[in-house]
mmCIF file of all heavy atoms, coordinates in Angstrom:
data_MODEL
# 
_entry.id   MODEL 
# 
loop_
_atom_site.group_PDB 
_atom_site.id 
_atom_site.type_symbol 
_atom_site.label_atom_id 
_atom_site.label_alt_id 
_atom_site.label_comp_id 
_atom_site.label_asym_id 
_atom_site.label_entity_id 
_atom_site.label_seq_id 
_atom_site.pdbx_PDB_ins_code 
_atom_site.Cartn_x 
_atom_site.Cartn_y 
_atom_site.Cartn_z 
_atom_site.occupancy 
_atom_site.B_iso_or_equiv 
_atom_site.pdbx_formal_charge 
_atom_site.auth_seq_id 
_atom_site.auth_comp_id 
_atom_site.auth_asym_id 
_atom_site.auth_atom_id 
_atom_site.pdbx_PDB_model_num 
ATOM 1   N N   . PRO A 1 1  ? 34.901 25.822 26.023 1.00 0.00 ? 1  PRO A N   1 
ATOM 2   C CA  . PRO A 1 1  ? 36.134 26.124 26.771 1.00 0.00 ? 1  PRO A CA  1 
ATOM 3   C C   . PRO A 1 1  ? 36.848 24.851 27.217 1.00 0.00 ? 1  PRO A C   1 
ATOM 4   O O   . PRO A 1 1  ? 36.222 23.801 27.413 1.00 0.00 ? 1  PRO A O   1 
ATOM 5   C CB  . PRO A 1 1  ? 35.630 26.920 27.975 1.00 0.00 ? 1  PRO A CB  1 
ATOM 6   C CG  . PRO A 1 1  ? 34.307 27.460 27.547 1.00 0.00 ? 1  PRO A CG  1 
ATOM 7   C CD  . PRO A 1 1  ? 33.717 26.441 26.638 1.00 0.00 ? 1  PRO A CD  1 
ATOM 8   N N   . VAL A 1 2  ? 38.167 24.978 27.424 1.00 0.00 ? 2  VAL A N   1 
ATOM 9   C CA  . VAL A 1 2  ? 38.966 23.812 27.805 1.00 0.00 ? 2  VAL A CA  1 
ATOM 10  C C   . VAL A 1 2  ? 39.451 23.888 29.246 1.00 0.00 ? 2  VAL A C   1 
ATOM 11  O O   . VAL A 1 2  ? 40.007 22.917 29.764 1.00 0.00 ? 2  VAL A O   1 
ATOM 12  C CB  . VAL A 1 2  ? 40.172 23.636 26.851 1.00 0.00 ? 2  VAL A CB  1 
ATOM 13  C CG1 . VAL A 1 2  ? 39.686 23.362 25.432 1.00 0.00 ? 2  VAL A CG1 1 
ATOM 14  C CG2 . VAL A 1 2  ? 41.075 24.871 26.887 1.00 0.00 ? 2  VAL A CG2 1 
ATOM 15  N N   . ASN A 1 3  ? 39.272 25.055 29.925 1.00 0.00 ? 3  ASN A N   1 
ATOM 16  C CA  . ASN A 1 3  ? 39.696 25.157 31.318 1.00 0.00 ? 3  ASN A CA  1 
ATOM 17  C C   . ASN A 1 3  ? 38.861 26.213 32.039 1.00 0.00 ? 3  ASN A C   1 
ATOM 18  O O   . ASN A 1 3  ? 38.081 26.948 31.421 1.00 0.00 ? 3  ASN A O   1 
ATOM 19  C CB  . ASN A 1 3  ? 41.192 25.484 31.419 1.00 0.00 ? 3  ASN A CB  1 
ATOM 20  C CG  . ASN A 1 3  ? 41.564 26.756 30.682 1.00 0.00 ? 3  ASN A CG  1 
ATOM 21  O OD1 . ASN A 1 3  ? 40.961 27.813 30.882 1.00 0.00 ? 3  ASN A OD1 1 
ATOM 22  N ND2 . ASN A 1 3  ? 42.562 26.672 29.801 1.00 0.00 ? 3  ASN A ND2 1 
ATOM 23  N N   . GLY A 1 4  ? 39.037 26.274 33.362 1.00 0.00 ? 4  GLY A N   1 
ATOM 24  C CA  . GLY A 1 4  ? 38.243 27.177 34.173 1.00 0.00 ? 4  GLY A CA  1 
ATOM 25  C C   . GLY A 1 4  ? 38.472 28.644 33.879 1.00 0.00 ? 4  GLY A C   1 
ATOM 26  O O   . GLY A 1 4  ? 37.538 29.452 33.934 1.00 0.00 ? 4  GLY A O   1 
ATOM 27  N N   . ASP A 1 5  ? 39.711 29.018 33.575 1.00 0.00 ? 5  ASP A N   1 
ATOM 28  C CA  . ASP A 1 5  ? 40.000 30.423 33.279 1.00 0.00 ? 5  ASP A CA  1 
ATOM 29  C C   . ASP A 1 5  ? 39.264 30.888 32.032 1.00 0.00 ? 5  ASP A C   1 
ATOM 30  O O   . ASP A 1 5  ? 38.713 31.999 31.994 1.00 0.00 ? 5  ASP A O   1 
ATOM 31  C CB  . ASP A 1 5  ? 41.505 30.621 33.099 1.00 0.00 ? 5  ASP A CB  1 
ATOM 32  C CG  . ASP A 1 5  ? 42.275 30.499 34.408 1.00 0.00 ? 5  ASP A CG  1 
ATOM 33  O OD1 . ASP A 1 5  ? 41.634 30.600 35.474 1.00 0.00 ? 5  ASP A OD1 1 
ATOM 34  O OD2 . ASP A 1 5  ? 43.503 30.303 34.357 1.00 0.00 ? 5  ASP A OD2 1 
ATOM 35  N N   . GLU A 1 6  ? 39.261 30.047 31.008 1.00 0.00 ? 6  GLU A N   1 
ATOM 36  C CA  . GLU A 1 6  ? 38.564 30.410 29.771 1.00 0.00 ? 6  GLU A CA  1 
ATOM 37  C C   . GLU A 1 6  ? 37.055 30.471 30.000 1.00 0.00 ? 6  GLU A C   1 
ATOM 38  O O   . GLU A 1 6  ? 36.377 31.387 29.515 1.00 0.00 ? 6  GLU A O   1 
ATOM 39  C CB  . GLU A 1 6  ? 38.876 29.411 28.658 1.00 0.00 ? 6  GLU A CB  1 
ATOM 40  C CG  . GLU A 1 6  ? 38.232 29.795 27.333 1.00 0.00 ? 6  GLU A CG  1 
ATOM 41  C CD  . GLU A 1 6  ? 38.461 28.775 26.225 1.00 0.00 ? 6  GLU A CD  1 
ATOM 42  O OE1 . GLU A 1 6  ? 39.185 27.772 26.465 1.00 0.00 ? 6  GLU A OE1 1 
ATOM 43  O OE2 . GLU A 1 6  ? 37.903 28.976 25.129 1.00 0.00 ? 6  GLU A OE2 1 
ATOM 44  N N   . LEU A 1 7  ? 36.524 29.512 30.766 1.00 0.00 ? 7  LEU A N   1 
ATOM 45  C CA  . LEU A 1 7  ? 35.092 29.509 31.062 1.00 0.00 ? 7  LEU A CA  1 
ATOM 46  C C   . LEU A 1 7  ? 34.704 30.764 31.834 1.00 0.00 ? 7  LEU A C   1 
ATOM 47  O O   . LEU A 1 7  ? 33.689 31.420 31.531 1.00 0.00 ? 7  LEU A O   1 
ATOM 48  C CB  . LEU A 1 7  ? 34.740 28.254 31.866 1.00 0.00 ? 7  LEU A CB  1 
ATOM 49  C CG  . LEU A 1 7  ? 33.267 28.043 32.221 1.00 0.00 ? 7  LEU A CG  1 
ATOM 50  C CD1 . LEU A 1 7  ? 32.399 27.959 30.974 1.00 0.00 ? 7  LEU A CD1 1 
ATOM 51  C CD2 . LEU A 1 7  ? 33.101 26.783 33.073 1.00 0.00 ? 7  LEU A CD2 1 
ATOM 52  N N   . THR A 1 8  ? 35.515 31.140 32.817 1.00 0.00 ? 8  THR A N   1 
ATOM 53  C CA  . THR A 1 8  ? 35.260 32.364 33.594 1.00 0.00 ? 8  THR A CA  1 
ATOM 54  C C   . THR A 1 8  ? 35.240 33.592 32.697 1.00 0.00 ? 8  THR A C   1 
ATOM 55  O O   . THR A 1 8  ? 34.332 34.439 32.786 1.00 0.00 ? 8  THR A O   1 
ATOM 56  C CB  . THR A 1 8  ? 36.339 32.536 34.682 1.00 0.00 ? 8  THR A CB  1 
ATOM 57  O OG1 . THR A 1 8  ? 36.286 31.426 35.585 1.00 0.00 ? 8  THR A OG1 1 
ATOM 58  C CG2 . THR A 1 8  ? 36.134 33.823 35.465 1.00 0.00 ? 8  THR A CG2 1 
ATOM 59  N N   . ALA A 1 9  ? 36.240 33.701 31.830 1.00 0.00 ? 9  ALA A N   1 
ATOM 60  C CA  . ALA A 1 9  ? 36.358 34.872 30.955 1.00 0.00 ? 9  ALA A CA  1 
ATOM 61  C C   . ALA A 1 9  ? 35.181 34.974 29.992 1.00 0.00 ? 9  ALA A C   1 
ATOM 62  O O   . ALA A 1 9  ? 34.657 36.067 29.738 1.00 0.00 ? 9  ALA A O   1 
ATOM 63  C CB  . ALA A 1 9  ? 37.678 34.815 30.192 1.00 0.00 ? 9  ALA A CB  1 
ATOM 64  N N   . ARG A 1 10 ? 34.755 33.834 29.448 1.00 0.00 ? 10 ARG A N   1 
ATOM 65  C CA  . ARG A 1 10 ? 33.671 33.843 28.461 1.00 0.00 ? 10 ARG A CA  1 
ATOM 66  C C   . ARG A 1 10 ? 32.344 34.258 29.100 1.00 0.00 ? 10 ARG A C   1 
ATOM 67  O O   . ARG A 1 10 ? 31.598 35.080 28.549 1.00 0.00 ? 10 ARG A O   1 
ATOM 68  C CB  . ARG A 1 10 ? 33.554 32.455 27.825 1.00 0.00 ? 10 ARG A CB  1 
ATOM 69  C CG  . ARG A 1 10 ? 34.769 32.011 26.997 1.00 0.00 ? 10 ARG A CG  1 
ATOM 70  C CD  . ARG A 1 10 ? 34.668 32.468 25.559 1.00 0.00 ? 10 ARG A CD  1 
ATOM 71  N NE  . ARG A 1 10 ? 33.551 31.848 24.882 1.00 0.00 ? 10 ARG A NE  1 
ATOM 72  C CZ  . ARG A 1 10 ? 33.577 30.609 24.335 1.00 0.00 ? 10 ARG A CZ  1 
ATOM 73  N NH1 . ARG A 1 10 ? 34.684 29.871 24.428 1.00 0.00 ? 10 ARG A NH1 1 
ATOM 74  N NH2 . ARG A 1 10 ? 32.524 30.127 23.713 1.00 0.00 ? 10 ARG A NH2 1 
ATOM 75  N N   . ILE A 1 11 ? 32.027 33.681 30.258 1.00 0.00 ? 11 ILE A N   1 
ATOM 76  C CA  . ILE A 1 11 ? 30.777 34.039 30.929 1.00 0.00 ? 11 ILE A CA  1 
ATOM 77  C C   . ILE A 1 11 ? 30.805 35.498 31.370 1.00 0.00 ? 11 ILE A C   1 
ATOM 78  O O   . ILE A 1 11 ? 29.832 36.244 31.185 1.00 0.00 ? 11 ILE A O   1 
ATOM 79  C CB  . ILE A 1 11 ? 30.519 33.114 32.133 1.00 0.00 ? 11 ILE A CB  1 
ATOM 80  C CG1 . ILE A 1 11 ? 30.333 31.668 31.671 1.00 0.00 ? 11 ILE A CG1 1 
ATOM 81  C CG2 . ILE A 1 11 ? 29.284 33.577 32.908 1.00 0.00 ? 11 ILE A CG2 1 
ATOM 82  C CD1 . ILE A 1 11 ? 30.236 30.663 32.811 1.00 0.00 ? 11 ILE A CD1 1 
ATOM 83  N N   . SER A 1 12 ? 31.943 35.937 31.919 1.00 0.00 ? 12 SER A N   1 
ATOM 84  C CA  . SER A 1 12 ? 32.078 37.325 32.385 1.00 0.00 ? 12 SER A CA  1 
ATOM 85  C C   . SER A 1 12 ? 31.860 38.309 31.246 1.00 0.00 ? 12 SER A C   1 
ATOM 86  O O   . SER A 1 12 ? 31.172 39.330 31.408 1.00 0.00 ? 12 SER A O   1 
ATOM 87  C CB  . SER A 1 12 ? 33.462 37.545 32.996 1.00 0.00 ? 12 SER A CB  1 
ATOM 88  O OG  . SER A 1 12 ? 33.639 36.783 34.162 1.00 0.00 ? 12 SER A OG  1 
ATOM 89  N N   . ALA A 1 13 ? 32.443 38.035 30.085 1.00 0.00 ? 13 ALA A N   1 
ATOM 90  C CA  . ALA A 1 13 ? 32.344 38.950 28.949 1.00 0.00 ? 13 ALA A CA  1 
ATOM 91  C C   . ALA A 1 13 ? 30.897 39.129 28.494 1.00 0.00 ? 13 ALA A C   1 
ATOM 92  O O   . ALA A 1 13 ? 30.450 40.245 28.214 1.00 0.00 ? 13 ALA A O   1 
ATOM 93  C CB  . ALA A 1 13 ? 33.211 38.449 27.798 1.00 0.00 ? 13 ALA A CB  1 
ATOM 94  N N   . VAL A 1 14 ? 30.145 38.017 28.440 1.00 0.00 ? 14 VAL A N   1 
ATOM 95  C CA  . VAL A 1 14 ? 28.756 38.104 27.992 1.00 0.00 ? 14 VAL A CA  1 
ATOM 96  C C   . VAL A 1 14 ? 27.904 38.854 29.019 1.00 0.00 ? 14 VAL A C   1 
ATOM 97  O O   . VAL A 1 14 ? 27.095 39.717 28.668 1.00 0.00 ? 14 VAL A O   1 
ATOM 98  C CB  . VAL A 1 14 ? 28.171 36.700 27.734 1.00 0.00 ? 14 VAL A CB  1 
ATOM 99  C CG1 . VAL A 1 14 ? 26.688 36.802 27.366 1.00 0.00 ? 14 VAL A CG1 1 
ATOM 100 C CG2 . VAL A 1 14 ? 28.926 36.005 26.621 1.00 0.00 ? 14 VAL A CG2 1 
ATOM 101 N N   . LEU A 1 15 ? 28.079 38.536 30.301 1.00 0.00 ? 15 LEU A N   1 
ATOM 102 C CA  . LEU A 1 15 ? 27.282 39.208 31.330 1.00 0.00 ? 15 LEU A CA  1 
ATOM 103 C C   . LEU A 1 15 ? 27.617 40.689 31.425 1.00 0.00 ? 15 LEU A C   1 
ATOM 104 O O   . LEU A 1 15 ? 26.732 41.519 31.666 1.00 0.00 ? 15 LEU A O   1 
ATOM 105 C CB  . LEU A 1 15 ? 27.490 38.523 32.679 1.00 0.00 ? 15 LEU A CB  1 
ATOM 106 C CG  . LEU A 1 15 ? 26.962 37.091 32.802 1.00 0.00 ? 15 LEU A CG  1 
ATOM 107 C CD1 . LEU A 1 15 ? 27.185 36.559 34.209 1.00 0.00 ? 15 LEU A CD1 1 
ATOM 108 C CD2 . LEU A 1 15 ? 25.482 37.018 32.440 1.00 0.00 ? 15 LEU A CD2 1 
ATOM 109 N N   . ASP A 1 16 ? 28.889 41.042 31.243 1.00 0.00 ? 16 ASP A N   1 
ATOM 110 C CA  . ASP A 1 16 ? 29.272 42.457 31.265 1.00 0.00 ? 16 ASP A CA  1 
ATOM 111 C C   . ASP A 1 16 ? 28.552 43.239 30.167 1.00 0.00 ? 16 ASP A C   1 
ATOM 112 O O   . ASP A 1 16 ? 28.096 44.361 30.378 1.00 0.00 ? 16 ASP A O   1 
ATOM 113 C CB  . ASP A 1 16 ? 30.787 42.602 31.097 1.00 0.00 ? 16 ASP A CB  1 
ATOM 114 C CG  . ASP A 1 16 ? 31.533 42.425 32.407 1.00 0.00 ? 16 ASP A CG  1 
ATOM 115 O OD1 . ASP A 1 16 ? 30.897 42.504 33.469 1.00 0.00 ? 16 ASP A OD1 1 
ATOM 116 O OD2 . ASP A 1 16 ? 32.750 42.195 32.377 1.00 0.00 ? 16 ASP A OD2 1 
ATOM 117 N N   . ARG A 1 17 ? 28.464 42.642 28.974 1.00 0.00 ? 17 ARG A N   1 
ATOM 118 C CA  . ARG A 1 17 ? 27.779 43.319 27.863 1.00 0.00 ? 17 ARG A CA  1 
ATOM 119 C C   . ARG A 1 17 ? 26.272 43.378 28.095 1.00 0.00 ? 17 ARG A C   1 
ATOM 120 O O   . ARG A 1 17 ? 25.615 44.359 27.763 1.00 0.00 ? 17 ARG A O   1 
ATOM 121 C CB  . ARG A 1 17 ? 28.070 42.605 26.544 1.00 0.00 ? 17 ARG A CB  1 
ATOM 122 C CG  . ARG A 1 17 ? 29.500 42.762 26.043 1.00 0.00 ? 17 ARG A CG  1 
ATOM 123 C CD  . ARG A 1 17 ? 29.620 42.312 24.596 1.00 0.00 ? 17 ARG A CD  1 
ATOM 124 N NE  . ARG A 1 17 ? 29.270 40.915 24.425 1.00 0.00 ? 17 ARG A NE  1 
ATOM 125 C CZ  . ARG A 1 17 ? 30.134 39.901 24.507 1.00 0.00 ? 17 ARG A CZ  1 
ATOM 126 N NH1 . ARG A 1 17 ? 31.410 40.158 24.771 1.00 0.00 ? 17 ARG A NH1 1 
ATOM 127 N NH2 . ARG A 1 17 ? 29.739 38.652 24.324 1.00 0.00 ? 17 ARG A NH2 1 
ATOM 128 N N   . ALA A 1 18 ? 25.706 42.295 28.668 1.00 0.00 ? 18 ALA A N   1 
ATOM 129 C CA  . ALA A 1 18 ? 24.254 42.211 28.820 1.00 0.00 ? 18 ALA A CA  1 
ATOM 130 C C   . ALA A 1 18 ? 23.734 43.078 29.956 1.00 0.00 ? 18 ALA A C   1 
ATOM 131 O O   . ALA A 1 18 ? 22.585 43.521 29.925 1.00 0.00 ? 18 ALA A O   1 
ATOM 132 C CB  . ALA A 1 18 ? 23.849 40.760 29.058 1.00 0.00 ? 18 ALA A CB  1 
ATOM 133 N N   . LEU A 1 19 ? 24.580 43.322 30.965 1.00 0.00 ? 19 LEU A N   1 
ATOM 134 C CA  . LEU A 1 19 ? 24.136 44.043 32.163 1.00 0.00 ? 19 LEU A CA  1 
ATOM 135 C C   . LEU A 1 19 ? 24.879 45.362 32.306 1.00 0.00 ? 19 LEU A C   1 
ATOM 136 O O   . LEU A 1 19 ? 25.457 45.664 33.346 1.00 0.00 ? 19 LEU A O   1 
ATOM 137 C CB  . LEU A 1 19 ? 24.348 43.167 33.404 1.00 0.00 ? 19 LEU A CB  1 
ATOM 138 C CG  . LEU A 1 19 ? 23.584 41.841 33.405 1.00 0.00 ? 19 LEU A CG  1 
ATOM 139 C CD1 . LEU A 1 19 ? 24.030 40.952 34.558 1.00 0.00 ? 19 LEU A CD1 1 
ATOM 140 C CD2 . LEU A 1 19 ? 22.075 42.086 33.488 1.00 0.00 ? 19 LEU A CD2 1 
ATOM 141 N N   . GLU A 1 20 ? 24.840 46.156 31.245 1.00 0.00 ? 20 GLU A N   1 
ATOM 142 C CA  . GLU A 1 20 ? 25.503 47.459 31.268 1.00 0.00 ? 20 GLU A CA  1 
ATOM 143 C C   . GLU A 1 20 ? 24.565 48.513 31.847 1.00 0.00 ? 20 GLU A C   1 
ATOM 144 O O   . GLU A 1 20 ? 24.165 49.452 31.179 1.00 0.00 ? 20 GLU A O   1 
ATOM 145 C CB  . GLU A 1 20 ? 25.928 47.853 29.850 1.00 0.00 ? 20 GLU A CB  1 
ATOM 146 C CG  . GLU A 1 20 ? 27.053 46.994 29.300 1.00 0.00 ? 20 GLU A CG  1 
ATOM 147 C CD  . GLU A 1 20 ? 27.458 47.421 27.898 1.00 0.00 ? 20 GLU A CD  1 
ATOM 148 O OE1 . GLU A 1 20 ? 26.596 47.910 27.142 1.00 0.00 ? 20 GLU A OE1 1 
ATOM 149 O OE2 . GLU A 1 20 ? 28.640 47.261 27.559 1.00 0.00 ? 20 GLU A OE2 1 
ATOM 150 N N   . GLY A 1 21 ? 24.211 48.350 33.112 1.00 0.00 ? 21 GLY A N   1 
ATOM 151 C CA  . GLY A 1 21 ? 23.286 49.291 33.729 1.00 0.00 ? 21 GLY A CA  1 
ATOM 152 C C   . GLY A 1 21 ? 23.949 50.248 34.694 1.00 0.00 ? 21 GLY A C   1 
ATOM 153 O O   . GLY A 1 21 ? 23.278 50.978 35.413 1.00 0.00 ? 21 GLY A O   1 
ATOM 154 N N   . GLY A 1 22 ? 25.277 50.249 34.719 1.00 0.00 ? 22 GLY A N   1 
ATOM 155 C CA  . GLY A 1 22 ? 25.984 51.087 35.685 1.00 0.00 ? 22 GLY A CA  1 
ATOM 156 C C   . GLY A 1 22 ? 26.121 50.365 37.013 1.00 0.00 ? 22 GLY A C   1 
ATOM 157 O O   . GLY A 1 22 ? 25.527 49.333 37.259 1.00 0.00 ? 22 GLY A O   1 
ATOM 158 N N   . GLY A 1 23 ? 26.924 50.909 37.906 1.00 0.00 ? 23 GLY A N   1 
ATOM 159 C CA  . GLY A 1 23 ? 27.114 50.292 39.212 1.00 0.00 ? 23 GLY A CA  1 
ATOM 160 C C   . GLY A 1 23 ? 28.063 49.121 39.149 1.00 0.00 ? 23 GLY A C   1 
ATOM 161 O O   . GLY A 1 23 ? 29.000 49.084 38.340 1.00 0.00 ? 23 GLY A O   1 
ATOM 162 N N   . ALA A 1 24 ? 27.823 48.128 40.003 1.00 0.00 ? 24 ALA A N   1 
ATOM 163 C CA  . ALA A 1 24 ? 28.713 46.975 40.098 1.00 0.00 ? 24 ALA A CA  1 
ATOM 164 C C   . ALA A 1 24 ? 28.640 46.117 38.842 1.00 0.00 ? 24 ALA A C   1 
ATOM 165 O O   . ALA A 1 24 ? 27.685 46.192 38.066 1.00 0.00 ? 24 ALA A O   1 
ATOM 166 C CB  . ALA A 1 24 ? 28.346 46.147 41.326 1.00 0.00 ? 24 ALA A CB  1 
ATOM 167 N N   . ARG A 1 25 ? 29.686 45.320 38.651 1.00 0.00 ? 25 ARG A N   1 
ATOM 168 C CA  . ARG A 1 25 ? 29.732 44.391 37.534 1.00 0.00 ? 25 ARG A CA  1 
ATOM 169 C C   . ARG A 1 25 ? 29.592 42.966 38.069 1.00 0.00 ? 25 ARG A C   1 
ATOM 170 O O   . ARG A 1 25 ? 29.962 42.673 39.203 1.00 0.00 ? 25 ARG A O   1 
ATOM 171 C CB  . ARG A 1 25 ? 31.072 44.514 36.771 1.00 0.00 ? 25 ARG A CB  1 
ATOM 172 C CG  . ARG A 1 25 ? 31.444 45.917 36.361 1.00 0.00 ? 25 ARG A CG  1 
ATOM 173 C CD  . ARG A 1 25 ? 30.349 46.618 35.570 1.00 0.00 ? 25 ARG A CD  1 
ATOM 174 N NE  . ARG A 1 25 ? 29.896 45.839 34.440 1.00 0.00 ? 25 ARG A NE  1 
ATOM 175 C CZ  . ARG A 1 25 ? 28.633 45.818 34.007 1.00 0.00 ? 25 ARG A CZ  1 
ATOM 176 N NH1 . ARG A 1 25 ? 27.702 46.504 34.636 1.00 0.00 ? 25 ARG A NH1 1 
ATOM 177 N NH2 . ARG A 1 25 ? 28.303 45.098 32.952 1.00 0.00 ? 25 ARG A NH2 1 
ATOM 178 N N   . PRO A 1 26 ? 29.078 42.041 37.280 1.00 0.00 ? 26 PRO A N   1 
ATOM 179 C CA  . PRO A 1 26 ? 28.979 40.652 37.726 1.00 0.00 ? 26 PRO A CA  1 
ATOM 180 C C   . PRO A 1 26 ? 30.365 40.072 38.026 1.00 0.00 ? 26 PRO A C   1 
ATOM 181 O O   . PRO A 1 26 ? 31.341 40.399 37.355 1.00 0.00 ? 26 PRO A O   1 
ATOM 182 C CB  . PRO A 1 26 ? 28.346 39.937 36.527 1.00 0.00 ? 26 PRO A CB  1 
ATOM 183 C CG  . PRO A 1 26 ? 27.664 41.013 35.744 1.00 0.00 ? 26 PRO A CG  1 
ATOM 184 C CD  . PRO A 1 26 ? 28.501 42.243 35.932 1.00 0.00 ? 26 PRO A CD  1 
ATOM 185 N N   . LYS A 1 27 ? 30.426 39.210 39.043 1.00 0.00 ? 27 LYS A N   1 
ATOM 186 C CA  . LYS A 1 27 ? 31.663 38.515 39.397 1.00 0.00 ? 27 LYS A CA  1 
ATOM 187 C C   . LYS A 1 27 ? 31.478 37.028 39.109 1.00 0.00 ? 27 LYS A C   1 
ATOM 188 O O   . LYS A 1 27 ? 30.522 36.417 39.606 1.00 0.00 ? 27 LYS A O   1 
ATOM 189 C CB  . LYS A 1 27 ? 32.010 38.738 40.870 1.00 0.00 ? 27 LYS A CB  1 
ATOM 190 C CG  . LYS A 1 27 ? 32.238 40.194 41.252 1.00 0.00 ? 27 LYS A CG  1 
ATOM 191 C CD  . LYS A 1 27 ? 32.548 40.316 42.740 1.00 0.00 ? 27 LYS A CD  1 
ATOM 192 C CE  . LYS A 1 27 ? 32.777 41.764 43.148 1.00 0.00 ? 27 LYS A CE  1 
ATOM 193 N NZ  . LYS A 1 27 ? 31.538 42.564 43.029 1.00 0.00 ? 27 LYS A NZ  1 
ATOM 194 N N   . VAL A 1 28 ? 32.374 36.471 38.327 1.00 0.00 ? 28 VAL A N   1 
ATOM 195 C CA  . VAL A 1 28 ? 32.258 35.081 37.896 1.00 0.00 ? 28 VAL A CA  1 
ATOM 196 C C   . VAL A 1 28 ? 33.516 34.323 38.295 1.00 0.00 ? 28 VAL A C   1 
ATOM 197 O O   . VAL A 1 28 ? 34.629 34.830 38.137 1.00 0.00 ? 28 VAL A O   1 
ATOM 198 C CB  . VAL A 1 28 ? 32.047 34.981 36.367 1.00 0.00 ? 28 VAL A CB  1 
ATOM 199 C CG1 . VAL A 1 28 ? 31.915 33.523 35.933 1.00 0.00 ? 28 VAL A CG1 1 
ATOM 200 C CG2 . VAL A 1 28 ? 30.820 35.777 35.941 1.00 0.00 ? 28 VAL A CG2 1 
# 
C-alpha cells in the first residue's frame, strides 16, 4: 500500500473474510 487509507482497507477486507462468525466486525 502507498497510504493509510489503502492499508486500512486491505487489512479490513482480509479480517472481515477471516472472521465471519457473526456479531461485530473488526475495526481497523
